[in-house]
C-alpha atoms as a PDB file:
ATOM      1  CA  UNK A   1     -11.694   8.133 -10.726  1.00  0.00           C
ATOM      2  CA  UNK A   2     -13.843   5.721 -12.715  1.00  0.00           C
ATOM      3  CA  UNK A   3     -14.429   2.116 -13.534  1.00  0.00           C
ATOM      4  CA  UNK A   4     -15.314   1.134  -9.865  1.00  0.00           C
ATOM      5  CA  UNK A   5     -16.603  -2.318  -9.149  1.00  0.00           C
ATOM      6  CA  UNK A   6     -17.350  -4.423  -6.104  1.00  0.00           C
ATOM      7  CA  UNK A   7     -16.502  -8.141  -5.435  1.00  0.00           C
ATOM      8  CA  UNK A   8     -17.585 -10.208  -2.559  1.00  0.00           C
ATOM      9  CA  UNK A   9     -14.264 -11.465  -1.060  1.00  0.00           C
ATOM     10  CA  UNK A  10     -13.786 -13.249   2.202  1.00  0.00           C
ATOM     11  CA  UNK A  11     -16.922 -11.773   3.703  1.00  0.00           C
ATOM     12  CA  UNK A  12     -16.472  -8.092   2.634  1.00  0.00           C
ATOM     13  CA  UNK A  13     -17.741  -6.122  -0.246  1.00  0.00           C
ATOM     14  CA  UNK A  14     -14.457  -5.104  -1.787  1.00  0.00           C
ATOM     15  CA  UNK A  15     -14.106  -2.113  -4.086  1.00  0.00           C
ATOM     16  CA  UNK A  16     -11.712  -1.988  -6.953  1.00  0.00           C
ATOM     17  CA  UNK A  17     -11.000  -0.087 -10.151  1.00  0.00           C
ATOM     18  CA  UNK A  18      -9.430  -1.192 -13.477  1.00  0.00           C
ATOM     19  CA  UNK A  19      -7.714   1.308 -15.674  1.00  0.00           C
ATOM     20  CA  UNK A  20      -5.658   0.779 -18.805  1.00  0.00           C
ATOM     21  CA  UNK A  21      -4.547  -2.384 -20.630  1.00  0.00           C
ATOM     22  CA  UNK A  22      -1.493  -4.694 -20.416  1.00  0.00           C
ATOM     23  CA  UNK A  23       0.043  -6.845 -17.777  1.00  0.00           C
ATOM     24  CA  UNK A  24      -1.982  -6.473 -14.405  1.00  0.00           C
ATOM     25  CA  UNK A  25      -0.426  -4.198 -11.828  1.00  0.00           C
ATOM     26  CA  UNK A  26      -2.241  -4.117  -8.466  1.00  0.00           C
ATOM     27  CA  UNK A  27      -1.916  -0.944  -6.294  1.00  0.00           C
ATOM     28  CA  UNK A  28      -2.438  -1.329  -2.598  1.00  0.00           C
ATOM     29  CA  UNK A  29      -2.898   1.913  -0.712  1.00  0.00           C
ATOM     30  CA  UNK A  30      -1.603   2.959   2.692  1.00  0.00           C
ATOM     31  CA  UNK A  31      -3.285   3.235   6.077  1.00  0.00           C
ATOM     32  CA  UNK A  32      -6.474   5.355   6.198  1.00  0.00           C
ATOM     33  CA  UNK A  33      -6.308   6.066   2.504  1.00  0.00           C
ATOM     34  CA  UNK A  34      -8.408   5.738  -0.600  1.00  0.00           C
ATOM     35  CA  UNK A  35      -7.576   4.956  -4.269  1.00  0.00           C
ATOM     36  CA  UNK A  36      -7.883   8.739  -5.029  1.00  0.00           C
ATOM     37  CA  UNK A  37      -5.977  10.084  -2.033  1.00  0.00           C
ATOM     38  CA  UNK A  38      -3.095   7.708  -2.387  1.00  0.00           C
ATOM     39  CA  UNK A  39      -2.682   7.069  -6.295  1.00  0.00           C
ATOM     40  CA  UNK A  40      -4.284  10.068  -8.060  1.00  0.00           C
ATOM     41  CA  UNK A  41      -0.880  11.453  -9.218  1.00  0.00           C
ATOM     42  CA  UNK A  42       0.489   7.960 -10.513  1.00  0.00           C
ATOM     43  CA  UNK A  43      -2.444   5.980 -11.360  1.00  0.00           C
ATOM     44  CA  UNK A  44      -3.063   7.537 -14.870  1.00  0.00           C
ATOM     45  CA  UNK A  45       0.543   7.193 -15.586  1.00  0.00           C
ATOM     46  CA  UNK A  46       0.780   3.513 -14.786  1.00  0.00           C
ATOM     47  CA  UNK A  47      -2.386   3.051 -16.823  1.00  0.00           C
ATOM     48  CA  UNK A  48      -0.587   4.049 -19.969  1.00  0.00           C
ATOM     49  CA  UNK A  49       1.479   0.869 -19.649  1.00  0.00           C
ATOM     50  CA  UNK A  50      -0.512  -1.588 -17.533  1.00  0.00           C
ATOM     51  CA  UNK A  51      -3.901  -2.844 -16.657  1.00  0.00           C
ATOM     52  CA  UNK A  52      -3.962  -1.161 -13.269  1.00  0.00           C
ATOM     53  CA  UNK A  53      -6.101  -2.858 -10.604  1.00  0.00           C
ATOM     54  CA  UNK A  54      -6.431  -0.357  -7.725  1.00  0.00           C
ATOM     55  CA  UNK A  55      -8.000  -1.800  -4.504  1.00  0.00           C
ATOM     56  CA  UNK A  56      -9.596  -0.409  -1.433  1.00  0.00           C
ATOM     57  CA  UNK A  57      -9.050  -2.594   1.624  1.00  0.00           C
ATOM     58  CA  UNK A  58     -11.264  -3.591   4.551  1.00  0.00           C
ATOM     59  CA  UNK A  59     -13.149  -0.606   6.041  1.00  0.00           C
ATOM     60  CA  UNK A  60     -11.432   1.833   3.695  1.00  0.00           C
ATOM     61  CA  UNK A  61     -13.100   3.986   1.249  1.00  0.00           C
ATOM     62  CA  UNK A  62     -15.910   2.175  -0.446  1.00  0.00           C
ATOM     63  CA  UNK A  63     -15.041  -1.186   0.941  1.00  0.00           C
ATOM     64  CA  UNK A  64     -17.230  -2.704   3.680  1.00  0.00           C
ATOM     65  CA  UNK A  65     -15.794  -3.820   7.066  1.00  0.00           C
ATOM     66  CA  UNK A  66     -15.924  -7.159   8.863  1.00  0.00           C
ATOM     67  CA  UNK A  67     -16.226  -8.036  12.451  1.00  0.00           C
ATOM     68  CA  UNK A  68     -12.446  -8.423  13.012  1.00  0.00           C
ATOM     69  CA  UNK A  69      -9.461  -6.316  13.303  1.00  0.00           C
ATOM     70  CA  UNK A  70      -7.620  -5.291  10.176  1.00  0.00           C
ATOM     71  CA  UNK A  71      -4.223  -7.086   9.482  1.00  0.00           C
ATOM     72  CA  UNK A  72      -1.560  -7.222   6.788  1.00  0.00           C
ATOM     73  CA  UNK A  73      -2.178 -10.938   6.522  1.00  0.00           C
ATOM     74  CA  UNK A  74      -5.840 -10.714   5.860  1.00  0.00           C
ATOM     75  CA  UNK A  75      -5.562  -7.767   3.629  1.00  0.00           C
ATOM     76  CA  UNK A  76      -3.005  -9.867   1.547  1.00  0.00           C
ATOM     77  CA  UNK A  77      -5.611 -12.663   1.402  1.00  0.00           C
ATOM     78  CA  UNK A  78      -8.259 -10.375   0.322  1.00  0.00           C
ATOM     79  CA  UNK A  79      -6.169  -9.102  -2.586  1.00  0.00           C
ATOM     80  CA  UNK A  80      -5.284 -12.660  -3.462  1.00  0.00           C
ATOM     81  CA  UNK A  81      -9.028 -13.414  -3.430  1.00  0.00           C
ATOM     82  CA  UNK A  82      -9.823 -10.486  -5.673  1.00  0.00           C
ATOM     83  CA  UNK A  83      -7.209 -11.767  -8.275  1.00  0.00           C
ATOM     84  CA  UNK A  84      -8.808 -15.252  -8.263  1.00  0.00           C
ATOM     85  CA  UNK A  85     -12.204 -13.642  -8.728  1.00  0.00           C
ATOM     86  CA  UNK A  86     -10.994 -11.615 -11.649  1.00  0.00           C
ATOM     87  CA  UNK A  87      -9.365 -14.768 -13.050  1.00  0.00           C
ATOM     88  CA  UNK A  88      -5.808 -13.203 -13.005  1.00  0.00           C
ATOM     89  CA  UNK A  89      -3.215 -15.819 -12.597  1.00  0.00           C
ATOM     90  CA  UNK A  90      -0.249 -13.448 -12.018  1.00  0.00           C
ATOM     91  CA  UNK A  91       0.233  -9.868 -11.432  1.00  0.00           C
ATOM     92  CA  UNK A  92       2.674  -7.253 -10.360  1.00  0.00           C
ATOM     93  CA  UNK A  93       2.037  -6.159  -6.787  1.00  0.00           C
ATOM     94  CA  UNK A  94       2.862  -2.480  -5.675  1.00  0.00           C
ATOM     95  CA  UNK A  95       2.005  -1.257  -2.258  1.00  0.00           C
ATOM     96  CA  UNK A  96       2.670   2.053  -0.431  1.00  0.00           C
ATOM     97  CA  UNK A  97       3.191   2.383   3.511  1.00  0.00           C
ATOM     98  CA  UNK A  98       0.683  -0.168   5.073  1.00  0.00           C
ATOM     99  CA  UNK A  99      -0.005  -1.337   1.593  1.00  0.00           C
ATOM    100  CA  UNK A 100       3.747  -2.095   1.222  1.00  0.00           C
ATOM    101  CA  UNK A 101       3.581  -4.321   4.291  1.00  0.00           C
ATOM    102  CA  UNK A 102       0.649  -5.994   2.857  1.00  0.00           C
ATOM    103  CA  UNK A 103       2.502  -6.489  -0.485  1.00  0.00           C
ATOM    104  CA  UNK A 104       5.235  -8.253   1.469  1.00  0.00           C
ATOM    105  CA  UNK A 105       2.683 -10.477   3.133  1.00  0.00           C
ATOM    106  CA  UNK A 106       1.219 -11.080  -0.289  1.00  0.00           C
ATOM    107  CA  UNK A 107       4.636 -12.345  -1.444  1.00  0.00           C
ATOM    108  CA  UNK A 108       4.962 -14.611   1.488  1.00  0.00           C
ATOM    109  CA  UNK A 109       1.468 -16.049   1.630  1.00  0.00           C
ATOM    110  CA  UNK A 110       0.539 -15.982  -2.186  1.00  0.00           C
ATOM    111  CA  UNK A 111       3.783 -16.099  -4.178  1.00  0.00           C
ATOM    112  CA  UNK A 112       2.226 -17.991  -7.042  1.00  0.00           C
ATOM    113  CA  UNK A 113       0.108 -14.995  -7.862  1.00  0.00           C
ATOM    114  CA  UNK A 114       2.724 -12.507  -8.017  1.00  0.00           C
ATOM    115  CA  UNK A 115       5.411 -11.931 -10.789  1.00  0.00           C
ATOM    116  CA  UNK A 116       7.301  -9.049  -9.107  1.00  0.00           C
ATOM    117  CA  UNK A 117       6.683  -6.752  -6.085  1.00  0.00           C
ATOM    118  CA  UNK A 118       7.308  -3.165  -5.408  1.00  0.00           C
ATOM    119  CA  UNK A 119       7.524  -2.212  -1.829  1.00  0.00           C
ATOM    120  CA  UNK A 120       7.315   1.782  -1.162  1.00  0.00           C
ATOM    121  CA  UNK A 121       7.903   2.748   2.384  1.00  0.00           C
ATOM    122  CA  UNK A 122       7.387  -0.705   3.874  1.00  0.00           C
ATOM    123  CA  UNK A 123       8.061  -2.047   7.406  1.00  0.00           C
ATOM    124  CA  UNK A 124       8.283  -5.432   8.964  1.00  0.00           C
ATOM    125  CA  UNK A 125       9.756  -4.720  12.275  1.00  0.00           C
ATOM    126  CA  UNK A 126       9.120  -1.893  14.805  1.00  0.00           C
ATOM    127  CA  UNK A 127      12.669  -0.593  14.799  1.00  0.00           C
ATOM    128  CA  UNK A 128      12.060   0.279  11.128  1.00  0.00           C
ATOM    129  CA  UNK A 129      10.003   3.306  12.161  1.00  0.00           C
ATOM    130  CA  UNK A 130      11.312   6.671  13.221  1.00  0.00           C
ATOM    131  CA  UNK A 131      11.794   7.413  17.022  1.00  0.00           C
ATOM    132  CA  UNK A 132       8.538   8.560  18.466  1.00  0.00           C
ATOM    133  CA  UNK A 133       6.224   6.820  16.031  1.00  0.00           C
ATOM    134  CA  UNK A 134       4.789   4.451  18.460  1.00  0.00           C
ATOM    135  CA  UNK A 135       4.508   7.158  21.065  1.00  0.00           C
ATOM    136  CA  UNK A 136       2.351   9.136  18.680  1.00  0.00           C
ATOM    137  CA  UNK A 137       0.138   6.084  17.943  1.00  0.00           C
ATOM    138  CA  UNK A 138      -0.821   5.839  21.583  1.00  0.00           C
ATOM    139  CA  UNK A 139      -2.542   9.312  21.194  1.00  0.00           C
ATOM    140  CA  UNK A 140      -3.663   8.941  17.661  1.00  0.00           C
ATOM    141  CA  UNK A 141      -7.219  10.149  17.077  1.00  0.00           C
ATOM    142  CA  UNK A 142      -9.449  11.794  14.483  1.00  0.00           C
ATOM    143  CA  UNK A 143      -8.372  15.128  15.970  1.00  0.00           C
ATOM    144  CA  UNK A 144      -4.795  14.516  14.745  1.00  0.00           C
ATOM    145  CA  UNK A 145      -5.517  12.512  11.590  1.00  0.00           C
ATOM    146  CA  UNK A 146      -4.652  14.548   8.374  1.00  0.00           C
ATOM    147  CA  UNK A 147      -7.549  16.384   7.080  1.00  0.00           C
ATOM    148  CA  UNK A 148      -6.883  15.501   3.442  1.00  0.00           C
ATOM    149  CA  UNK A 149      -7.266  11.873   4.293  1.00  0.00           C
ATOM    150  CA  UNK A 150     -10.353  12.502   6.376  1.00  0.00           C
ATOM    151  CA  UNK A 151     -11.944  14.465   3.515  1.00  0.00           C
ATOM    152  CA  UNK A 152     -11.094  11.759   0.909  1.00  0.00           C
ATOM    153  CA  UNK A 153     -12.915   9.129   3.012  1.00  0.00           C
ATOM    154  CA  UNK A 154     -15.905  11.422   3.808  1.00  0.00           C
ATOM    155  CA  UNK A 155     -16.204  12.314   0.097  1.00  0.00           C
ATOM    156  CA  UNK A 156     -16.815   8.496  -0.546  1.00  0.00           C
ATOM    157  CA  UNK A 157     -18.741   7.837   2.648  1.00  0.00           C
ATOM    158  CA  UNK A 158     -20.049  10.798   4.786  1.00  0.00           C
ATOM    159  CA  UNK A 159     -20.583   8.667   7.775  1.00  0.00           C
ATOM    160  CA  UNK A 160     -18.029   9.921  10.450  1.00  0.00           C
ATOM    161  CA  UNK A 161     -18.693   6.915  12.487  1.00  0.00           C
ATOM    162  CA  UNK A 162     -17.278   4.769   9.602  1.00  0.00           C
ATOM    163  CA  UNK A 163     -14.350   7.084   9.396  1.00  0.00           C
ATOM    164  CA  UNK A 164     -13.602   6.878  12.984  1.00  0.00           C
ATOM    165  CA  UNK A 165     -14.052   2.985  12.744  1.00  0.00           C
ATOM    166  CA  UNK A 166     -11.501   2.845   9.880  1.00  0.00           C
ATOM    167  CA  UNK A 167      -9.228   5.209  11.873  1.00  0.00           C
ATOM    168  CA  UNK A 168      -9.347   3.302  15.053  1.00  0.00           C
ATOM    169  CA  UNK A 169      -8.717  -0.069  13.433  1.00  0.00           C
ATOM    170  CA  UNK A 170      -5.716   1.167  11.498  1.00  0.00           C
ATOM    171  CA  UNK A 171      -4.295   2.840  14.688  1.00  0.00           C
ATOM    172  CA  UNK A 172      -4.821  -0.435  16.599  1.00  0.00           C
ATOM    173  CA  UNK A 173      -3.045  -2.482  13.956  1.00  0.00           C
ATOM    174  CA  UNK A 174       0.054  -0.316  14.397  1.00  0.00           C
ATOM    175  CA  UNK A 175      -0.130   0.073  18.221  1.00  0.00           C
ATOM    176  CA  UNK A 176      -0.212  -3.737  18.515  1.00  0.00           C
ATOM    177  CA  UNK A 177       2.244  -4.420  15.588  1.00  0.00           C
ATOM    178  CA  UNK A 178       4.570  -7.402  16.295  1.00  0.00           C
ATOM    179  CA  UNK A 179       7.841  -8.000  14.465  1.00  0.00           C
ATOM    180  CA  UNK A 180       7.937 -10.490  11.690  1.00  0.00           C
ATOM    181  CA  UNK A 181      10.789 -12.916  11.574  1.00  0.00           C
ATOM    182  CA  UNK A 182      13.767 -12.218   9.234  1.00  0.00           C
ATOM    183  CA  UNK A 183      13.133 -15.697   8.030  1.00  0.00           C
ATOM    184  CA  UNK A 184       9.798 -14.517   6.695  1.00  0.00           C
ATOM    185  CA  UNK A 185      11.308 -11.778   4.617  1.00  0.00           C
ATOM    186  CA  UNK A 186      14.139 -13.963   3.363  1.00  0.00           C
ATOM    187  CA  UNK A 187      11.490 -16.501   2.158  1.00  0.00           C
ATOM    188  CA  UNK A 188      10.423 -13.883  -0.536  1.00  0.00           C
ATOM    189  CA  UNK A 189      12.066 -15.169  -3.723  1.00  0.00           C
ATOM    190  CA  UNK A 190      10.095 -12.769  -6.195  1.00  0.00           C
ATOM    191  CA  UNK A 191      12.090 -10.049  -7.907  1.00  0.00           C
ATOM    192  CA  UNK A 192      11.640  -7.011  -5.504  1.00  0.00           C
ATOM    193  CA  UNK A 193      12.153  -3.290  -5.646  1.00  0.00           C
ATOM    194  CA  UNK A 194      12.340  -1.347  -2.383  1.00  0.00           C
ATOM    195  CA  UNK A 195      11.712   2.324  -2.598  1.00  0.00           C
ATOM    196  CA  UNK A 196      12.165   4.710   0.378  1.00  0.00           C
ATOM    197  CA  UNK A 197      12.227   8.419   0.880  1.00  0.00           C
ATOM    198  CA  UNK A 198      15.433   9.797   2.544  1.00  0.00           C
ATOM    199  CA  UNK A 199      13.255  11.687   5.068  1.00  0.00           C
ATOM    200  CA  UNK A 200      10.625   8.967   5.445  1.00  0.00           C
ATOM    201  CA  UNK A 201       8.846   7.759   8.540  1.00  0.00           C
ATOM    202  CA  UNK A 202      10.433   4.258   7.468  1.00  0.00           C
ATOM    203  CA  UNK A 203      14.175   4.532   8.192  1.00  0.00           C
ATOM    204  CA  UNK A 204      16.436   4.353   5.408  1.00  0.00           C
ATOM    205  CA  UNK A 205      18.423   1.696   7.232  1.00  0.00           C
ATOM    206  CA  UNK A 206      15.304  -0.561   7.305  1.00  0.00           C
ATOM    207  CA  UNK A 207      14.764  -0.214   3.615  1.00  0.00           C
ATOM    208  CA  UNK A 208      18.420  -1.109   3.238  1.00  0.00           C
ATOM    209  CA  UNK A 209      17.968  -4.132   5.516  1.00  0.00           C
ATOM    210  CA  UNK A 210      14.902  -5.297   3.569  1.00  0.00           C
ATOM    211  CA  UNK A 211      16.867  -5.119   0.317  1.00  0.00           C
ATOM    212  CA  UNK A 212      19.558  -7.326   1.749  1.00  0.00           C
ATOM    213  CA  UNK A 213      17.187  -9.871   3.251  1.00  0.00           C
ATOM    214  CA  UNK A 214      15.165 -10.508   0.130  1.00  0.00           C
ATOM    215  CA  UNK A 215      17.391 -12.468  -2.102  1.00  0.00           C
ATOM    216  CA  UNK A 216      16.386 -10.842  -5.366  1.00  0.00           C
ATOM    217  CA  UNK A 217      15.826  -7.183  -4.357  1.00  0.00           C
ATOM    218  CA  UNK A 218      16.929  -3.802  -5.497  1.00  0.00           C
ATOM    219  CA  UNK A 219      16.771  -0.453  -3.463  1.00  0.00           C
ATOM    220  CA  UNK A 220      16.135   3.089  -4.576  1.00  0.00           C
ATOM    221  CA  UNK A 221      16.149   5.899  -2.156  1.00  0.00           C
ATOM    222  CA  UNK A 222      14.643   9.130  -3.246  1.00  0.00           C
ATOM    223  CA  UNK A 223      14.627  12.611  -1.808  1.00  0.00           C
ATOM    224  CA  UNK A 224      11.521  13.396   0.309  1.00  0.00           C
ATOM    225  CA  UNK A 225       9.104  12.547   3.091  1.00  0.00           C
ATOM    226  CA  UNK A 226       6.529   9.609   3.309  1.00  0.00           C
ATOM    227  CA  UNK A 227       4.655   9.490   0.043  1.00  0.00           C
ATOM    228  CA  UNK A 228       6.284  12.323  -1.816  1.00  0.00           C
ATOM    229  CA  UNK A 229       7.515  10.116  -4.453  1.00  0.00           C
ATOM    230  CA  UNK A 230       4.000   9.111  -5.523  1.00  0.00           C
ATOM    231  CA  UNK A 231       2.428  12.321  -4.804  1.00  0.00           C
ATOM    232  CA  UNK A 232       0.331  11.099  -1.989  1.00  0.00           C
ATOM    233  CA  UNK A 233      -2.438  13.646  -1.017  1.00  0.00           C
ATOM    234  CA  UNK A 234      -0.784  14.763   2.206  1.00  0.00           C
ATOM    235  CA  UNK A 235       2.824  15.274   0.576  1.00  0.00           C
ATOM    236  CA  UNK A 236       2.192  16.135  -2.941  1.00  0.00           C
ATOM    237  CA  UNK A 237       4.147  19.076  -4.157  1.00  0.00           C
ATOM    238  CA  UNK A 238       2.709  21.293  -6.924  1.00  0.00           C
ATOM    239  CA  UNK A 239       4.830  20.842 -10.126  1.00  0.00           C
ATOM    240  CA  UNK A 240       6.923  18.050  -8.726  1.00  0.00           C
ATOM    241  CA  UNK A 241       8.150  15.586 -11.264  1.00  0.00           C
ATOM    242  CA  UNK A 242       8.802  12.896  -8.578  1.00  0.00           C
ATOM    243  CA  UNK A 243       5.611  10.874  -9.231  1.00  0.00           C
ATOM    244  CA  UNK A 244       6.387  10.641 -12.856  1.00  0.00           C
ATOM    245  CA  UNK A 245      10.018   9.667 -12.135  1.00  0.00           C
ATOM    246  CA  UNK A 246       8.807   7.040  -9.714  1.00  0.00           C
ATOM    247  CA  UNK A 247       6.567   5.525 -12.311  1.00  0.00           C
ATOM    248  CA  UNK A 248       9.378   5.329 -14.818  1.00  0.00           C
ATOM    249  CA  UNK A 249      11.741   3.777 -12.355  1.00  0.00           C
ATOM    250  CA  UNK A 250       9.044   1.226 -11.435  1.00  0.00           C
ATOM    251  CA  UNK A 251       8.306   0.619 -15.004  1.00  0.00           C
ATOM    252  CA  UNK A 252      12.019  -0.077 -15.795  1.00  0.00           C
ATOM    253  CA  UNK A 253      12.088  -2.608 -13.002  1.00  0.00           C
ATOM    254  CA  UNK A 254       8.903  -4.344 -14.036  1.00  0.00           C
ATOM    255  CA  UNK A 255       9.706  -4.568 -17.663  1.00  0.00           C
ATOM    256  CA  UNK A 256      13.269  -5.843 -17.536  1.00  0.00           C
END
């Protein structure tokens, strides 16, 4: 990936990349991820249609850390700060996994900066995750963190201490996650597309609930596990057409 830049945003040195031309489309990665590990299969496809602004959030990849926990609210504020830094008045916002939860917080906290949102495998209440998820989070460590995600981070920053710091902050965010009120989700008035895998760590019932609570939302359920629809590094299938299909479905939603 190329076109990398940094911006001083809310006390961190935030890394972002810009690819393509057209209406701005912000891509917000999932927990533990980088631009490359999360978006490499779909970013070039989106860049044919949009000015893609891919970010790396606090403590992830190239971006520096701050002396505070990571949170979806702070991540949303950081993305909003970057758009203001880039003098972008409105953008499409698309997030995956933790990035999808950040996208919802963006829509709640900064609706004036978003035209439409796409929420891929997003959660806003603990009940939305598969049984056993929070039991696993209690024992989460680098030893059981997927190697492709570790390798992607270390390719950018070979400091294993920084990797552990990022992992531990992300794990703490999920261990201590508190439900958001339904009213918060109902306050999202932006046109919204909810996408989920039928064998995702986010329950299909939760995606359906989201699509019903957001007044102007549509739902697509695709076959596959967490991240398969975008070709995320841990779940990409050689030769799969799902990432390309997902891009076309998202484009149809954004362009209508």
